[in-house]
Amino acid sequence: MLEQNIFSPELCLLSSNKKGIVFSIERYAIHDGPGIRTLVYLKGCPLRCLWCANPEGQKASAELVYFEEKCIGCGKCIKACPENAASLIKGRLVTDYRRCKACGECVRVCPTGARYIYGKYMTVQEIVEICKKDLSYYRRTEGGVTLSGGEPTYQYEFALAILKSCKENYINTAIETSGFCSWEKLRNILSYTDYVLYDLKHMDPVEHKKLAGVSNNLILNNLKKASKMGKPIFIRVPVIPNFNDSLGNIEAMVSFIKIIKNNNNIVAINLLPYHEYGKGKYTRLQRVYSLNNIKPPSNNDVNRIKRKIENAGPEVKIGG
């Protein structure tokens, strides 16, 4: 059930003081919802997609990253670390992430910006005040605020409080979600959302688990329910060569879209071709990137998928 009296001073104060962890706020964005938008990236995600371009958004905690190309080997970070997590091994700076508490002391003393902390705790009020700076742009372009991640529903109460506060300030809202959460949580969040950007990665539950770490049963069931709420939905499909671009998967997706589009609120299908922009982040986080042998799909391959999905009825666009 939706909370009542959301505009009462007491509830507004509680919401504005609520804290969560954010890894980026991007202003003047034009690809994640209509108009000019502010993207608020929340940390934490229950999925582990092999192609994830924002691995810094997976863990719901602060993380240290290391830009080796900026490092001059001065050793100041080694002396500053209270956990003795940094050391020089054969002339190369190495961080023991089992010890690192992401306190930021090494970041503070680094003269070249080779070290950085992803993740900052912020209140709802702090976030909304940043967003309010662009109210005039939102109104002129029918834009607003989009919650992304990570997975915004992973920080459910924080995400809900941000959306409520945006609505209190007459700001249009959107959410980019995998749909992997309880229906109750998703329903409550969508009640304060004007647009829904819903990821659809693979139609087979077994393959989906191989690619993203979880089955898609909950995701598909939630999308069916969300399509009945009357919210405009943009379905976002990553195109990953040799993983989800097969004819069988595309046909299964078309069949599913035909079922839910009868609710008349599927605005468009956005095909998001695989790219390698996030690959360097894995090195900086000392993680293994699994798709080193995969290249971005050709224009012909993406257009082939576009034509196939267009048979389901909704408009199909390439890109966000």
Protein backbone atom coordinates (compact mmCIF):
# COMPACT_ATOMS: atom_id res chain seq x y z
CA MET A 1 0.00 0.00 0.00
CA LEU A 2 1.14 3.54 -0.69
CA GLU A 3 2.03 5.72 2.26
CA GLN A 4 -0.54 8.42 2.98
CA ASN A 5 -0.07 12.15 3.55
CA ILE A 6 3.26 12.25 1.75
CA PHE A 7 3.30 16.04 1.86
CA SER A 8 2.99 16.32 5.65
CA PRO A 9 5.93 18.24 7.22
CA GLU A 10 6.84 15.33 9.47
CA LEU A 11 7.17 12.82 6.64
CA CYS A 12 8.98 15.32 4.42
CA LEU A 13 11.56 15.90 7.17
CA LEU A 14 12.10 12.16 7.64
CA SER A 15 12.53 11.67 3.91
CA SER A 16 14.93 14.59 3.45
CA ASN A 17 17.23 13.31 6.20
CA LYS A 18 17.41 9.77 4.85
CA LYS A 19 20.88 8.80 3.65
CA GLY A 20 22.08 6.46 0.93
CA ILE A 21 25.23 5.85 -1.08
CA VAL A 22 25.67 7.40 -4.53
CA PHE A 23 28.55 6.90 -6.96
CA SER A 24 27.76 9.63 -9.47
CA ILE A 25 25.35 12.45 -10.29
CA GLU A 26 25.31 13.46 -13.94
CA ARG A 27 23.61 16.69 -15.00
CA TYR A 28 22.40 17.64 -18.48
CA ALA A 29 21.91 14.01 -19.61
CA ILE A 30 19.75 13.37 -22.67
CA HIS A 31 19.66 9.59 -23.08
CA ASP A 32 17.96 8.16 -19.97
CA GLY A 33 14.43 9.44 -20.29
CA PRO A 34 12.78 12.35 -22.10
CA GLY A 35 14.27 15.82 -22.14
CA ILE A 36 17.29 17.10 -20.23
CA ARG A 37 17.71 15.06 -17.06
CA THR A 38 19.83 14.63 -13.98
CA LEU A 39 20.99 11.03 -13.51
CA VAL A 40 21.47 9.87 -9.93
CA TYR A 41 23.50 6.65 -9.79
CA LEU A 42 22.84 4.62 -6.65
CA LYS A 43 25.32 1.96 -5.51
CA GLY A 44 24.35 -1.66 -5.08
CA CYS A 45 23.00 -4.26 -7.51
CA PRO A 46 21.83 -7.89 -7.09
CA LEU A 47 22.83 -8.75 -10.67
CA ARG A 48 26.30 -9.42 -12.02
CA CYS A 49 25.94 -8.93 -15.77
CA LEU A 50 29.07 -10.03 -17.59
CA TRP A 51 29.05 -6.86 -19.72
CA CYS A 52 28.32 -4.42 -16.89
CA ALA A 53 29.76 -1.01 -17.80
CA ASN A 54 29.38 0.33 -14.26
CA PRO A 55 31.07 -2.25 -12.01
CA GLU A 56 31.65 0.52 -9.49
CA GLY A 57 27.89 0.45 -8.93
CA GLN A 58 27.65 -3.24 -8.02
CA LYS A 59 28.63 -3.12 -4.34
CA ALA A 60 26.56 -1.04 -1.94
CA SER A 61 29.64 0.33 -0.21
CA ALA A 62 32.45 2.78 -0.91
CA GLU A 63 35.30 1.41 -3.04
CA LEU A 64 38.83 2.53 -3.79
CA VAL A 65 39.91 2.64 -7.43
CA TYR A 66 43.43 3.03 -8.73
CA PHE A 67 44.43 4.80 -11.98
CA GLU A 68 47.83 3.24 -12.57
CA GLU A 69 48.57 5.49 -15.54
CA LYS A 70 48.47 8.52 -13.21
CA CYS A 71 50.67 7.03 -10.49
CA ILE A 72 54.22 8.43 -10.10
CA GLY A 73 55.22 5.93 -7.40
CA CYS A 74 55.83 8.57 -4.72
CA GLY A 75 54.69 6.22 -1.93
CA LYS A 76 52.68 8.84 -0.05
CA CYS A 77 49.61 6.61 -0.11
CA ILE A 78 51.57 3.77 1.52
CA LYS A 79 52.53 5.95 4.47
CA ALA A 80 49.02 7.41 4.78
CA CYS A 81 47.08 4.11 4.80
CA PRO A 82 46.00 3.28 8.39
CA GLU A 83 45.25 -0.34 7.39
CA ASN A 84 48.64 -0.99 5.72
CA ALA A 85 46.70 -2.02 2.63
CA ALA A 86 49.04 -0.35 0.10
CA SER A 87 52.52 -1.55 -0.80
CA LEU A 88 55.08 -1.48 -3.57
CA ILE A 89 55.80 -4.88 -5.14
CA LYS A 90 58.50 -4.95 -7.84
CA GLY A 91 58.05 -1.23 -8.37
CA ARG A 92 54.26 -1.51 -8.79
CA LEU A 93 51.74 -0.17 -6.31
CA VAL A 94 49.41 -2.92 -5.07
CA THR A 95 46.36 -2.58 -2.83
CA ASP A 96 45.15 -5.37 -0.56
CA TYR A 97 41.39 -4.89 -0.86
CA ARG A 98 40.80 -7.31 2.02
CA ARG A 99 42.36 -4.71 4.31
CA CYS A 100 41.24 -1.55 2.54
CA LYS A 101 38.36 0.23 4.31
CA ALA A 102 37.99 2.91 1.61
CA CYS A 103 38.67 5.59 4.23
CA GLY A 104 40.11 7.95 1.61
CA GLU A 105 43.36 8.82 3.40
CA CYS A 106 45.41 7.69 0.38
CA VAL A 107 43.18 9.76 -1.90
CA ARG A 108 43.78 12.82 0.24
CA VAL A 109 47.59 12.66 -0.07
CA CYS A 110 47.87 11.48 -3.70
CA PRO A 111 49.33 14.39 -5.73
CA THR A 112 48.20 13.13 -9.15
CA GLY A 113 44.65 11.85 -8.57
CA ALA A 114 45.71 8.23 -9.09
CA ARG A 115 43.39 7.09 -6.32
CA TYR A 116 39.69 7.80 -6.01
CA ILE A 117 36.75 6.65 -3.88
CA TYR A 118 33.58 5.52 -5.65
CA GLY A 119 30.67 6.03 -3.31
CA LYS A 120 29.52 8.94 -1.21
CA TYR A 121 26.82 8.98 1.45
CA MET A 122 24.31 11.72 0.78
CA THR A 123 20.95 12.76 2.15
CA VAL A 124 17.83 12.99 0.01
CA GLN A 125 17.83 16.75 0.56
CA GLU A 126 21.41 17.09 -0.72
CA ILE A 127 20.54 15.18 -3.89
CA VAL A 128 17.30 17.03 -4.58
CA GLU A 129 18.98 20.41 -4.03
CA ILE A 130 21.44 19.51 -6.81
CA CYS A 131 18.57 18.46 -9.05
CA LYS A 132 16.59 21.64 -8.37
CA LYS A 133 19.37 23.71 -9.91
CA ASP A 134 18.14 22.55 -13.33
CA LEU A 135 14.40 23.04 -12.86
CA SER A 136 14.27 25.50 -15.73
CA TYR A 137 15.85 22.95 -18.09
CA TYR A 138 13.43 20.25 -16.98
CA ARG A 139 10.43 22.47 -17.64
CA ARG A 140 11.61 23.67 -21.04
CA THR A 141 12.44 20.16 -22.30
CA GLU A 142 9.97 18.02 -20.33
CA GLY A 143 12.97 16.50 -18.57
CA GLY A 144 13.57 15.60 -14.95
CA VAL A 145 15.44 13.20 -12.68
CA THR A 146 16.32 9.58 -13.47
CA LEU A 147 17.44 7.11 -10.82
CA SER A 148 19.97 4.63 -12.15
CA GLY A 149 22.74 2.46 -10.75
CA GLY A 150 23.61 -0.19 -9.90
CA GLU A 151 19.99 -1.08 -9.30
CA PRO A 152 17.99 1.72 -7.64
CA THR A 153 15.58 -0.68 -5.92
CA TYR A 154 18.56 -2.20 -4.06
CA GLN A 155 18.44 0.91 -1.85
CA TYR A 156 14.65 0.78 -1.80
CA GLU A 157 13.83 3.21 1.02
CA PHE A 158 16.42 5.74 -0.16
CA ALA A 159 15.23 5.55 -3.79
CA LEU A 160 11.61 5.89 -2.73
CA ALA A 161 12.43 8.93 -0.59
CA ILE A 162 14.26 10.63 -3.48
CA LEU A 163 11.33 10.05 -5.83
CA LYS A 164 8.82 11.35 -3.27
CA SER A 165 10.91 14.45 -2.68
CA CYS A 166 11.17 15.07 -6.42
CA LYS A 167 7.40 14.87 -6.75
CA GLU A 168 7.01 17.28 -3.82
CA ASN A 169 9.16 19.69 -5.86
CA TYR A 170 7.17 19.05 -9.05
CA ILE A 171 10.09 17.31 -10.76
CA ASN A 172 9.40 14.66 -13.41
CA THR A 173 10.86 11.29 -12.42
CA ALA A 174 12.15 8.17 -14.16
CA ILE A 175 13.85 4.99 -13.02
CA GLU A 176 16.17 2.63 -14.84
CA THR A 177 15.66 -0.82 -13.36
CA SER A 178 16.33 -4.50 -13.94
CA GLY A 179 13.05 -5.26 -12.18
CA PHE A 180 14.77 -7.71 -9.86
CA CYS A 181 13.05 -6.94 -6.56
CA SER A 182 9.78 -7.77 -4.85
CA TRP A 183 6.69 -6.59 -6.68
CA GLU A 184 5.58 -4.63 -3.61
CA LYS A 185 8.76 -2.57 -3.66
CA LEU A 186 8.67 -2.02 -7.40
CA ARG A 187 4.97 -1.08 -7.33
CA ASN A 188 5.55 1.52 -4.61
CA ILE A 189 8.50 3.01 -6.45
CA LEU A 190 6.64 3.14 -9.77
CA SER A 191 3.81 4.99 -8.03
CA TYR A 192 6.17 7.97 -7.78
CA THR A 193 7.72 7.49 -11.22
CA ASP A 194 6.62 9.12 -14.48
CA TYR A 195 8.72 6.97 -16.84
CA VAL A 196 10.11 3.46 -16.54
CA LEU A 197 13.30 2.31 -18.28
CA TYR A 198 13.13 -1.47 -17.93
CA ASP A 199 16.05 -3.74 -18.84
CA LEU A 200 15.34 -6.95 -20.73
CA LYS A 201 18.53 -8.95 -21.09
CA HIS A 202 17.58 -12.51 -22.09
CA MET A 203 14.34 -14.49 -22.31
CA ASP A 204 15.62 -17.88 -21.15
CA PRO A 205 15.87 -18.14 -17.33
CA VAL A 206 18.85 -20.52 -17.43
CA GLU A 207 20.81 -18.37 -19.88
CA HIS A 208 19.83 -15.25 -17.96
CA LYS A 209 21.34 -16.72 -14.81
CA LYS A 210 24.57 -17.49 -16.67
CA LEU A 211 24.78 -13.94 -18.00
CA ALA A 212 23.48 -11.92 -15.06
CA GLY A 213 23.77 -14.21 -12.03
CA VAL A 214 20.01 -14.50 -11.46
CA SER A 215 17.00 -16.07 -13.18
CA ASN A 216 14.67 -13.76 -15.12
CA ASN A 217 11.39 -15.19 -13.77
CA LEU A 218 10.88 -12.37 -11.26
CA ILE A 219 11.98 -9.79 -13.83
CA LEU A 220 9.48 -10.90 -16.48
CA ASN A 221 6.63 -11.25 -13.99
CA ASN A 222 7.28 -7.75 -12.67
CA LEU A 223 7.37 -6.33 -16.18
CA LYS A 224 3.97 -7.88 -16.92
CA LYS A 225 2.55 -6.28 -13.78
CA ALA A 226 4.27 -2.95 -14.41
CA SER A 227 2.82 -2.80 -17.92
CA LYS A 228 -0.69 -2.74 -16.37
CA MET A 229 0.02 0.33 -14.22
CA GLY A 230 -0.33 2.79 -17.09
CA LYS A 231 3.21 4.15 -16.79
CA PRO A 232 5.09 4.83 -20.05
CA ILE A 233 7.70 2.07 -20.34
CA PHE A 234 10.86 2.06 -22.43
CA ILE A 235 12.24 -1.47 -22.71
CA ARG A 236 16.04 -1.44 -22.94
CA VAL A 237 17.74 -4.41 -24.56
CA PRO A 238 21.54 -4.74 -24.46
CA VAL A 239 22.81 -6.38 -27.64
CA ILE A 240 25.66 -8.69 -26.65
CA PRO A 241 27.15 -10.70 -29.56
CA ASN A 242 27.03 -14.47 -29.04
CA PHE A 243 25.13 -14.07 -25.78
CA ASN A 244 21.64 -12.71 -26.42
CA ASP A 245 21.52 -11.86 -30.14
CA SER A 246 20.41 -15.28 -31.41
CA LEU A 247 17.31 -15.60 -33.58
CA GLY A 248 15.64 -17.80 -30.97
CA ASN A 249 16.08 -15.26 -28.19
CA ILE A 250 14.92 -12.37 -30.35
CA GLU A 251 11.81 -14.28 -31.41
CA ALA A 252 11.03 -15.12 -27.78
CA MET A 253 11.41 -11.45 -26.92
CA VAL A 254 9.08 -10.43 -29.74
CA SER A 255 6.43 -12.88 -28.52
CA PHE A 256 6.69 -11.52 -24.98
CA ILE A 257 6.50 -7.90 -26.12
CA LYS A 258 3.38 -8.66 -28.17
CA ILE A 259 1.70 -9.90 -24.99
CA ILE A 260 2.49 -6.91 -22.80
CA LYS A 261 2.12 -4.24 -25.48
CA ASN A 262 -1.64 -4.82 -25.44
CA ASN A 263 -1.63 -2.62 -22.37
CA ASN A 264 -0.65 0.24 -24.74
CA ASN A 265 2.03 1.82 -22.58
CA ILE A 266 5.18 0.33 -24.12
CA VAL A 267 6.56 3.51 -25.68
CA ALA A 268 9.66 2.14 -27.39
CA ILE A 269 12.28 -0.58 -27.44
CA ASN A 270 15.82 0.77 -27.06
CA LEU A 271 18.57 -1.47 -28.42
CA LEU A 272 21.85 -0.80 -26.61
CA PRO A 273 24.77 -2.25 -28.59
CA TYR A 274 27.57 -3.71 -26.48
CA HIS A 275 30.56 -1.40 -26.00
CA GLU A 276 33.91 -1.65 -24.24
CA TYR A 277 33.84 1.70 -22.42
CA GLY A 278 33.68 0.11 -18.98
CA LYS A 279 36.48 -2.41 -19.48
CA GLY A 280 39.19 -0.26 -17.86
CA LYS A 281 37.12 0.08 -14.69
CA TYR A 282 37.61 -3.60 -13.90
CA THR A 283 41.38 -3.18 -13.91
CA ARG A 284 41.11 -0.16 -11.63
CA LEU A 285 38.92 -2.16 -9.24
CA GLN A 286 41.26 -5.18 -9.53
CA ARG A 287 38.47 -7.34 -10.94
CA VAL A 288 38.42 -9.72 -13.89
CA TYR A 289 36.54 -8.65 -17.03
CA SER A 290 34.92 -11.71 -18.63
CA LEU A 291 34.22 -10.45 -22.16
CA ASN A 292 37.70 -9.60 -23.43
CA ASN A 293 37.11 -11.60 -26.61
CA ILE A 294 33.77 -9.98 -27.46
CA LYS A 295 33.63 -7.08 -29.91
CA PRO A 296 30.78 -4.58 -30.39
CA PRO A 297 28.12 -5.77 -32.86
CA SER A 298 28.13 -4.45 -36.41
CA ASN A 299 25.51 -1.99 -37.60
CA ASN A 300 24.09 -4.68 -39.84
CA ASP A 301 23.62 -7.06 -36.92
CA VAL A 302 21.91 -4.44 -34.78
CA ASN A 303 19.64 -3.36 -37.64
CA ARG A 304 18.70 -7.01 -38.23
CA ILE A 305 17.52 -7.26 -34.63
CA LYS A 306 15.76 -3.90 -34.94
CA ARG A 307 13.73 -5.06 -37.95
CA LYS A 308 12.80 -8.29 -36.20
CA ILE A 309 11.54 -6.59 -33.03
CA GLU A 310 9.66 -3.95 -35.00
CA ASN A 311 7.26 -6.74 -35.96
CA ALA A 312 6.02 -6.64 -32.35
CA GLY A 313 4.59 -3.16 -32.91
CA PRO A 314 6.37 -0.58 -30.69
CA GLU A 315 8.93 1.83 -32.07
CA VAL A 316 12.48 0.49 -31.95
CA LYS A 317 15.43 2.83 -31.47
CA ILE A 318 19.15 2.13 -31.45
CA GLY A 319 20.72 3.72 -28.40
CA GLY A 320 19.26 5.16 -25.21
